[in-house]
Structures are given as C-alpha cells and as structure tokens.
C-alpha atoms as a PDB file:
ATOM      1  CA  UNK A   1       3.312   2.889  17.424  1.00  0.00           C
ATOM      2  CA  UNK A   2       4.373  -0.019  19.598  1.00  0.00           C
ATOM      3  CA  UNK A   3       7.828  -0.051  17.983  1.00  0.00           C
ATOM      4  CA  UNK A   4       9.587   2.000  15.291  1.00  0.00           C
ATOM      5  CA  UNK A   5       8.557   1.001  11.779  1.00  0.00           C
ATOM      6  CA  UNK A   6      11.184   1.315   9.089  1.00  0.00           C
ATOM      7  CA  UNK A   7      11.449   0.205   5.491  1.00  0.00           C
ATOM      8  CA  UNK A   8      13.367   1.063   2.331  1.00  0.00           C
ATOM      9  CA  UNK A   9      10.938   3.129   0.198  1.00  0.00           C
ATOM     10  CA  UNK A  10      12.994   2.737  -2.974  1.00  0.00           C
ATOM     11  CA  UNK A  11      13.052  -1.061  -2.749  1.00  0.00           C
ATOM     12  CA  UNK A  12       9.349  -1.206  -1.910  1.00  0.00           C
ATOM     13  CA  UNK A  13       8.603   0.980  -4.943  1.00  0.00           C
ATOM     14  CA  UNK A  14      10.765  -1.221  -7.177  1.00  0.00           C
ATOM     15  CA  UNK A  15       9.096  -4.477  -6.123  1.00  0.00           C
ATOM     16  CA  UNK A  16       5.610  -2.993  -6.373  1.00  0.00           C
ATOM     17  CA  UNK A  17       6.157  -1.428  -9.810  1.00  0.00           C
ATOM     18  CA  UNK A  18       7.768  -4.614 -11.122  1.00  0.00           C
ATOM     19  CA  UNK A  19       4.909  -6.634  -9.652  1.00  0.00           C
ATOM     20  CA  UNK A  20       2.329  -4.478 -11.420  1.00  0.00           C
ATOM     21  CA  UNK A  21       4.176  -4.937 -14.693  1.00  0.00           C
ATOM     22  CA  UNK A  22       4.417  -8.699 -14.228  1.00  0.00           C
ATOM     23  CA  UNK A  23       0.672  -8.821 -13.497  1.00  0.00           C
ATOM     24  CA  UNK A  24      -0.326  -6.904 -16.611  1.00  0.00           C
ATOM     25  CA  UNK A  25       2.128  -8.903 -18.740  1.00  0.00           C
ATOM     26  CA  UNK A  26       0.691 -12.142 -17.311  1.00  0.00           C
ATOM     27  CA  UNK A  27       4.088 -13.249 -15.978  1.00  0.00           C
ATOM     28  CA  UNK A  28       2.479 -15.091 -13.087  1.00  0.00           C
ATOM     29  CA  UNK A  29       5.511 -16.825 -11.549  1.00  0.00           C
ATOM     30  CA  UNK A  30       7.516 -13.603 -11.642  1.00  0.00           C
ATOM     31  CA  UNK A  31       4.590 -11.730 -10.103  1.00  0.00           C
ATOM     32  CA  UNK A  32       4.406 -14.227  -7.234  1.00  0.00           C
ATOM     33  CA  UNK A  33       8.141 -13.921  -6.590  1.00  0.00           C
ATOM     34  CA  UNK A  34       7.875 -10.130  -6.548  1.00  0.00           C
ATOM     35  CA  UNK A  35       4.891 -10.231  -4.184  1.00  0.00           C
ATOM     36  CA  UNK A  36       6.877 -12.383  -1.766  1.00  0.00           C
ATOM     37  CA  UNK A  37       9.811  -9.964  -1.941  1.00  0.00           C
ATOM     38  CA  UNK A  38       7.469  -6.998  -1.463  1.00  0.00           C
ATOM     39  CA  UNK A  39       5.929  -8.574   1.641  1.00  0.00           C
ATOM     40  CA  UNK A  40       9.372  -9.137   3.114  1.00  0.00           C
ATOM     41  CA  UNK A  41      10.574  -5.631   2.272  1.00  0.00           C
ATOM     42  CA  UNK A  42       7.528  -3.573   3.188  1.00  0.00           C
ATOM     43  CA  UNK A  43       6.145  -5.388   6.226  1.00  0.00           C
ATOM     44  CA  UNK A  44       9.133  -7.577   7.199  1.00  0.00           C
ATOM     45  CA  UNK A  45       7.087 -10.760   6.814  1.00  0.00           C
ATOM     46  CA  UNK A  46       9.546 -13.693   6.972  1.00  0.00           C
ATOM     47  CA  UNK A  47       9.491 -16.682   4.661  1.00  0.00           C
ATOM     48  CA  UNK A  48       7.394 -18.862   4.469  1.00  0.00           C
ATOM     49  CA  UNK A  49       4.777 -16.434   5.823  1.00  0.00           C
ATOM     50  CA  UNK A  50       5.686 -13.967   3.059  1.00  0.00           C
ATOM     51  CA  UNK A  51       4.618 -16.670   0.613  1.00  0.00           C
ATOM     52  CA  UNK A  52       1.363 -17.145   2.531  1.00  0.00           C
ATOM     53  CA  UNK A  53       0.730 -13.381   2.446  1.00  0.00           C
ATOM     54  CA  UNK A  54       1.283 -13.397  -1.330  1.00  0.00           C
ATOM     55  CA  UNK A  55      -1.166 -16.302  -1.621  1.00  0.00           C
ATOM     56  CA  UNK A  56      -3.820 -14.315   0.239  1.00  0.00           C
ATOM     57  CA  UNK A  57      -3.388 -11.346  -2.120  1.00  0.00           C
ATOM     58  CA  UNK A  58      -3.579 -13.603  -5.177  1.00  0.00           C
ATOM     59  CA  UNK A  59      -6.763 -15.237  -3.875  1.00  0.00           C
ATOM     60  CA  UNK A  60      -8.302 -11.850  -3.067  1.00  0.00           C
ATOM     61  CA  UNK A  61      -7.382 -10.571  -6.537  1.00  0.00           C
ATOM     62  CA  UNK A  62      -8.897 -13.630  -8.206  1.00  0.00           C
ATOM     63  CA  UNK A  63     -12.122 -13.174  -6.231  1.00  0.00           C
ATOM     64  CA  UNK A  64     -12.161  -9.499  -7.221  1.00  0.00           C
ATOM     65  CA  UNK A  65     -11.909 -10.013 -10.988  1.00  0.00           C
ATOM     66  CA  UNK A  66     -15.616 -10.759 -11.712  1.00  0.00           C
ATOM     67  CA  UNK A  67     -17.685  -7.584 -11.624  1.00  0.00           C
ATOM     68  CA  UNK A  68     -20.408  -9.468  -9.741  1.00  0.00           C
ATOM     69  CA  UNK A  69     -17.948 -10.532  -7.032  1.00  0.00           C
ATOM     70  CA  UNK A  70     -18.879 -11.040  -3.390  1.00  0.00           C
ATOM     71  CA  UNK A  71     -17.101  -8.519  -1.167  1.00  0.00           C
ATOM     72  CA  UNK A  72     -17.177 -10.801   1.875  1.00  0.00           C
ATOM     73  CA  UNK A  73     -15.085 -13.402   0.034  1.00  0.00           C
ATOM     74  CA  UNK A  74     -12.455 -10.810  -0.859  1.00  0.00           C
ATOM     75  CA  UNK A  75     -12.367  -9.372   2.650  1.00  0.00           C
ATOM     76  CA  UNK A  76     -11.599 -12.779   4.127  1.00  0.00           C
ATOM     77  CA  UNK A  77      -8.295 -12.926   2.248  1.00  0.00           C
ATOM     78  CA  UNK A  78      -7.428  -9.238   2.622  1.00  0.00           C
ATOM     79  CA  UNK A  79      -7.971  -9.445   6.377  1.00  0.00           C
ATOM     80  CA  UNK A  80      -5.725 -12.505   6.617  1.00  0.00           C
ATOM     81  CA  UNK A  81      -3.086 -10.629   4.632  1.00  0.00           C
ATOM     82  CA  UNK A  82      -3.208  -7.575   6.859  1.00  0.00           C
ATOM     83  CA  UNK A  83      -3.067  -9.721   9.991  1.00  0.00           C
ATOM     84  CA  UNK A  84       0.307 -11.038   8.817  1.00  0.00           C
ATOM     85  CA  UNK A  85       1.446  -7.540   7.864  1.00  0.00           C
ATOM     86  CA  UNK A  86       0.445  -6.173  11.270  1.00  0.00           C
ATOM     87  CA  UNK A  87       2.074  -9.051  13.157  1.00  0.00           C
ATOM     88  CA  UNK A  88       5.536  -8.700  11.629  1.00  0.00           C
ATOM     89  CA  UNK A  89       5.772  -4.988  10.830  1.00  0.00           C
ATOM     90  CA  UNK A  90       5.434  -3.630  14.348  1.00  0.00           C
ATOM     91  CA  UNK A  91       2.566  -1.434  13.148  1.00  0.00           C
ATOM     92  CA  UNK A  92      -0.565  -1.274  15.285  1.00  0.00           C
ATOM     93  CA  UNK A  93      -3.376  -0.897  12.744  1.00  0.00           C
ATOM     94  CA  UNK A  94      -6.615  -2.862  12.831  1.00  0.00           C
ATOM     95  CA  UNK A  95      -6.418  -5.553  10.083  1.00  0.00           C
ATOM     96  CA  UNK A  96     -10.190  -5.511   9.549  1.00  0.00           C
ATOM     97  CA  UNK A  97     -10.203  -1.760   8.935  1.00  0.00           C
ATOM     98  CA  UNK A  98      -7.134  -1.958   6.692  1.00  0.00           C
ATOM     99  CA  UNK A  99      -8.771  -4.704   4.636  1.00  0.00           C
ATOM    100  CA  UNK A 100     -11.919  -2.618   4.109  1.00  0.00           C
ATOM    101  CA  UNK A 101      -9.843   0.374   3.007  1.00  0.00           C
ATOM    102  CA  UNK A 102      -7.845  -1.852   0.636  1.00  0.00           C
ATOM    103  CA  UNK A 103     -11.032  -3.169  -0.950  1.00  0.00           C
ATOM    104  CA  UNK A 104     -12.328   0.399  -1.270  1.00  0.00           C
ATOM    105  CA  UNK A 105      -9.094   1.251  -3.094  1.00  0.00           C
ATOM    106  CA  UNK A 106      -9.584  -1.581  -5.565  1.00  0.00           C
ATOM    107  CA  UNK A 107     -13.175  -0.502  -6.134  1.00  0.00           C
ATOM    108  CA  UNK A 108     -12.512   3.205  -6.667  1.00  0.00           C
ATOM    109  CA  UNK A 109      -9.576   2.482  -8.973  1.00  0.00           C
ATOM    110  CA  UNK A 110     -11.818   0.366 -11.187  1.00  0.00           C
ATOM    111  CA  UNK A 111     -14.719   2.844 -11.124  1.00  0.00           C
ATOM    112  CA  UNK A 112     -12.654   5.939 -11.865  1.00  0.00           C
ATOM    113  CA  UNK A 113     -10.276   4.479 -14.417  1.00  0.00           C
ATOM    114  CA  UNK A 114     -10.136   6.930 -17.312  1.00  0.00           C
ATOM    115  CA  UNK A 115     -12.187   9.543 -15.439  1.00  0.00           C
ATOM    116  CA  UNK A 116     -10.734  13.046 -14.909  1.00  0.00           C
ATOM    117  CA  UNK A 117     -11.956  13.588 -11.335  1.00  0.00           C
ATOM    118  CA  UNK A 118      -9.834  11.426  -9.011  1.00  0.00           C
ATOM    119  CA  UNK A 119     -10.688  13.188  -5.742  1.00  0.00           C
ATOM    120  CA  UNK A 120     -12.681  10.200  -4.392  1.00  0.00           C
ATOM    121  CA  UNK A 121      -9.691   7.988  -5.234  1.00  0.00           C
ATOM    122  CA  UNK A 122      -7.333  10.282  -3.318  1.00  0.00           C
ATOM    123  CA  UNK A 123      -9.716  10.310  -0.337  1.00  0.00           C
ATOM    124  CA  UNK A 124      -9.701   6.504  -0.196  1.00  0.00           C
ATOM    125  CA  UNK A 125      -5.903   6.374  -0.358  1.00  0.00           C
ATOM    126  CA  UNK A 126      -5.657   8.943   2.451  1.00  0.00           C
ATOM    127  CA  UNK A 127      -7.774   6.664   4.643  1.00  0.00           C
ATOM    128  CA  UNK A 128      -5.708   3.590   3.745  1.00  0.00           C
ATOM    129  CA  UNK A 129      -2.312   5.190   4.327  1.00  0.00           C
ATOM    130  CA  UNK A 130      -3.471   6.910   7.499  1.00  0.00           C
ATOM    131  CA  UNK A 131      -4.883   3.690   8.949  1.00  0.00           C
ATOM    132  CA  UNK A 132      -2.012   1.365   8.053  1.00  0.00           C
ATOM    133  CA  UNK A 133       0.967   3.619   8.732  1.00  0.00           C
ATOM    134  CA  UNK A 134      -0.420   5.464  11.774  1.00  0.00           C
ATOM    135  CA  UNK A 135      -0.146   8.924  10.241  1.00  0.00           C
ATOM    136  CA  UNK A 136      -2.681  11.748  10.166  1.00  0.00           C
ATOM    137  CA  UNK A 137      -4.934  12.333   7.135  1.00  0.00           C
ATOM    138  CA  UNK A 138      -3.003  15.563   6.530  1.00  0.00           C
ATOM    139  CA  UNK A 139       0.290  13.661   6.511  1.00  0.00           C
ATOM    140  CA  UNK A 140      -1.180  11.005   4.205  1.00  0.00           C
ATOM    141  CA  UNK A 141      -2.395  13.462   1.566  1.00  0.00           C
ATOM    142  CA  UNK A 142       0.878  13.716  -0.343  1.00  0.00           C
ATOM    143  CA  UNK A 143       1.436   9.960  -0.498  1.00  0.00           C
ATOM    144  CA  UNK A 144      -2.188   9.415  -1.539  1.00  0.00           C
ATOM    145  CA  UNK A 145      -1.886  11.890  -4.407  1.00  0.00           C
ATOM    146  CA  UNK A 146       1.349  10.269  -5.584  1.00  0.00           C
ATOM    147  CA  UNK A 147      -0.193   6.813  -5.385  1.00  0.00           C
ATOM    148  CA  UNK A 148      -3.097   7.931  -7.562  1.00  0.00           C
ATOM    149  CA  UNK A 149      -0.624   9.361 -10.095  1.00  0.00           C
ATOM    150  CA  UNK A 150       1.048   5.945 -10.203  1.00  0.00           C
ATOM    151  CA  UNK A 151      -2.319   4.274 -10.785  1.00  0.00           C
ATOM    152  CA  UNK A 152      -3.157   6.791 -13.518  1.00  0.00           C
ATOM    153  CA  UNK A 153       0.121   5.914 -15.207  1.00  0.00           C
ATOM    154  CA  UNK A 154      -0.482   2.169 -15.124  1.00  0.00           C
ATOM    155  CA  UNK A 155      -3.960   2.814 -16.574  1.00  0.00           C
ATOM    156  CA  UNK A 156      -2.341   4.841 -19.364  1.00  0.00           C
ATOM    157  CA  UNK A 157      -0.013   1.956 -20.175  1.00  0.00           C
ATOM    158  CA  UNK A 158      -2.539  -0.853 -19.967  1.00  0.00           C
ATOM    159  CA  UNK A 159      -5.138   1.035 -22.014  1.00  0.00           C
ATOM    160  CA  UNK A 160      -2.566   1.176 -24.859  1.00  0.00           C
ATOM    161  CA  UNK A 161      -2.632   4.978 -24.799  1.00  0.00           C
ATOM    162  CA  UNK A 162       0.992   5.406 -23.791  1.00  0.00           C
ATOM    163  CA  UNK A 163       3.300   6.744 -26.493  1.00  0.00           C
ATOM    164  CA  UNK A 164       6.314   5.354 -24.624  1.00  0.00           C
ATOM    165  CA  UNK A 165       5.470   2.478 -22.235  1.00  0.00           C
ATOM    166  CA  UNK A 166       9.056   2.005 -21.045  1.00  0.00           C
ATOM    167  CA  UNK A 167       9.288   5.652 -20.050  1.00  0.00           C
ATOM    168  CA  UNK A 168       5.927   5.452 -18.307  1.00  0.00           C
ATOM    169  CA  UNK A 169       6.907   2.336 -16.339  1.00  0.00           C
ATOM    170  CA  UNK A 170       9.894   4.322 -15.063  1.00  0.00           C
ATOM    171  CA  UNK A 171       7.608   7.266 -14.264  1.00  0.00           C
ATOM    172  CA  UNK A 172       5.246   4.967 -12.392  1.00  0.00           C
ATOM    173  CA  UNK A 173       8.101   3.634 -10.238  1.00  0.00           C
ATOM    174  CA  UNK A 174       9.244   7.202  -9.533  1.00  0.00           C
ATOM    175  CA  UNK A 175       5.741   8.115  -8.312  1.00  0.00           C
ATOM    176  CA  UNK A 176       5.718   5.073  -6.026  1.00  0.00           C
ATOM    177  CA  UNK A 177       9.197   5.905  -4.774  1.00  0.00           C
ATOM    178  CA  UNK A 178       8.118   9.426  -3.812  1.00  0.00           C
ATOM    179  CA  UNK A 179       4.908   8.029  -2.334  1.00  0.00           C
ATOM    180  CA  UNK A 180       6.738   5.668   0.003  1.00  0.00           C
ATOM    181  CA  UNK A 181       9.383   8.241   0.876  1.00  0.00           C
ATOM    182  CA  UNK A 182       6.551  10.537   1.978  1.00  0.00           C
ATOM    183  CA  UNK A 183       5.004   7.753   4.077  1.00  0.00           C
ATOM    184  CA  UNK A 184       8.358   6.983   5.682  1.00  0.00           C
ATOM    185  CA  UNK A 185       8.989  10.618   6.585  1.00  0.00           C
ATOM    186  CA  UNK A 186       5.493  11.039   8.027  1.00  0.00           C
ATOM    187  CA  UNK A 187       5.664   7.779   9.979  1.00  0.00           C
ATOM    188  CA  UNK A 188       9.019   8.735  11.464  1.00  0.00           C
ATOM    189  CA  UNK A 189       7.709  12.179  12.404  1.00  0.00           C
ATOM    190  CA  UNK A 190       4.673  10.618  14.099  1.00  0.00           C
ATOM    191  CA  UNK A 191       6.887   8.162  15.977  1.00  0.00           C
ATOM    192  CA  UNK A 192       9.126  10.990  17.226  1.00  0.00           C
ATOM    193  CA  UNK A 193       6.116  12.990  18.370  1.00  0.00           C
ATOM    194  CA  UNK A 194       4.691   9.951  20.149  1.00  0.00           C
ATOM    195  CA  UNK A 195       8.008   9.390  21.931  1.00  0.00           C
ATOM    196  CA  UNK A 196       8.213  13.036  23.000  1.00  0.00           C
ATOM    197  CA  UNK A 197       4.665  12.963  24.355  1.00  0.00           C
ATOM    198  CA  UNK A 198       5.331   9.796  26.357  1.00  0.00           C
ATOM    199  CA  UNK A 199       8.538  11.232  27.795  1.00  0.00           C
ATOM    200  CA  UNK A 200       6.728  14.438  28.699  1.00  0.00           C
ATOM    201  CA  UNK A 201       3.976  12.462  30.418  1.00  0.00           C
ATOM    202  CA  UNK A 202       6.580  10.585  32.477  1.00  0.00           C
ATOM    203  CA  UNK A 203       8.368  13.761  33.602  1.00  0.00           C
ATOM    204  CA  UNK A 204       7.344  14.785  37.143  1.00  0.00           C
ATOM    205  CA  UNK A 205       5.602  18.155  37.288  1.00  0.00           C
ATOM    206  CA  UNK A 206       7.803  21.015  38.381  1.00  0.00           C
ATOM    207  CA  UNK A 207      10.960  19.461  36.862  1.00  0.00           C
END
C-alpha cells in the first residue's frame, strides 16, 4: 500500500446494513444519506465527492435492475465510483478491475439467491476483497464467507421467509461487522509485512 488504510469496521457495517434496509424498504432519501455516510466512513471520500460517489452507485444500480441490462453501462458508473474510492482511501487497487469484480458480485448474488451452493459467490467475494483491500486470497476468505452470510440473511428477509425480521437485520449487521473486522486485520497485517520487507531491502548487507 502507498499509505496505511484504516477505517472503523463497526461504523461501516452499520451504514451498510442500514443502507440495505432503506433500499429494500424503498426509503430512497434515507438510503442516499446512508450511502454518502458509508462513502465517507469506508473510503474517506469527502463531501461533496461522497455525494457524487453515491450518485454513481445509484446510477449503476438503476442500470442493473433490468435483467436484459447492458454491462458496459453499469461498468461506466462502477468504475467512476471506484476511482473516487481509490483516490481518497490511500488504497492502490485498479478501479477497472474493482468495478468488474463488483459487477460479478451483483451478478452472482442474483443468480444464486435461494440456492444452497454459494461457493461461486464466495469465490467472487474473495476476488473483490483481495483486489480492493490489497490482501491475499487466503486472507480474504473469511471476510468473503461472512459477506455471503450477510447476503443470505438479507435474501431471507426480503423473500418474506424470516420468522423474525428485526432479529435477522441485527444478525446481518453482525455478519458485516465481523466481515469488515476481518478485512481490517488482514489489511493491517499486509501493511506491516510490506513495511518490514521495505526496511529489510533498505538494510545494507552484512549489518
């Protein structure tokens, strides 16, 4: 990483879970406000660029809704979003690659909703987390699995199969909280290793 990346995993989880709920409850203004807060918290995007980032996600989501959507249209907005995220976060990922992984996530979530085998979903999330947060696929496995559990829970709620939606919204947030805590720990470990390797490379031989 070019510079240390830090964030509050609990606050990120809160804003994301609340944003999902606002989306599925069609509380559009609240959802936009939560997206802006999430952009500021997760990737340190300042206002008004956090608003612009939220706009890009909303436009990408709207383009995604039709099943006969055009992927190129969605990727335009996702790439613009990830360019802002990369610029302000200090992370060094490729926005084009991140956008393609994000779109793959949306696709696999839709395709596997209600299906028992979520391994392809986990594989996509491993690629996304690894690419964005500069962690190894092995490090990203735990966060990917937790993210898929969160998605399974929101599917349970929105399909009207939850026996206790309020409990499951809390469970969903807990999964996201653990997911982002795992990402934070892995990112910090990778940053420490990178620092140690650079220091070792700068140390004259024989010292």
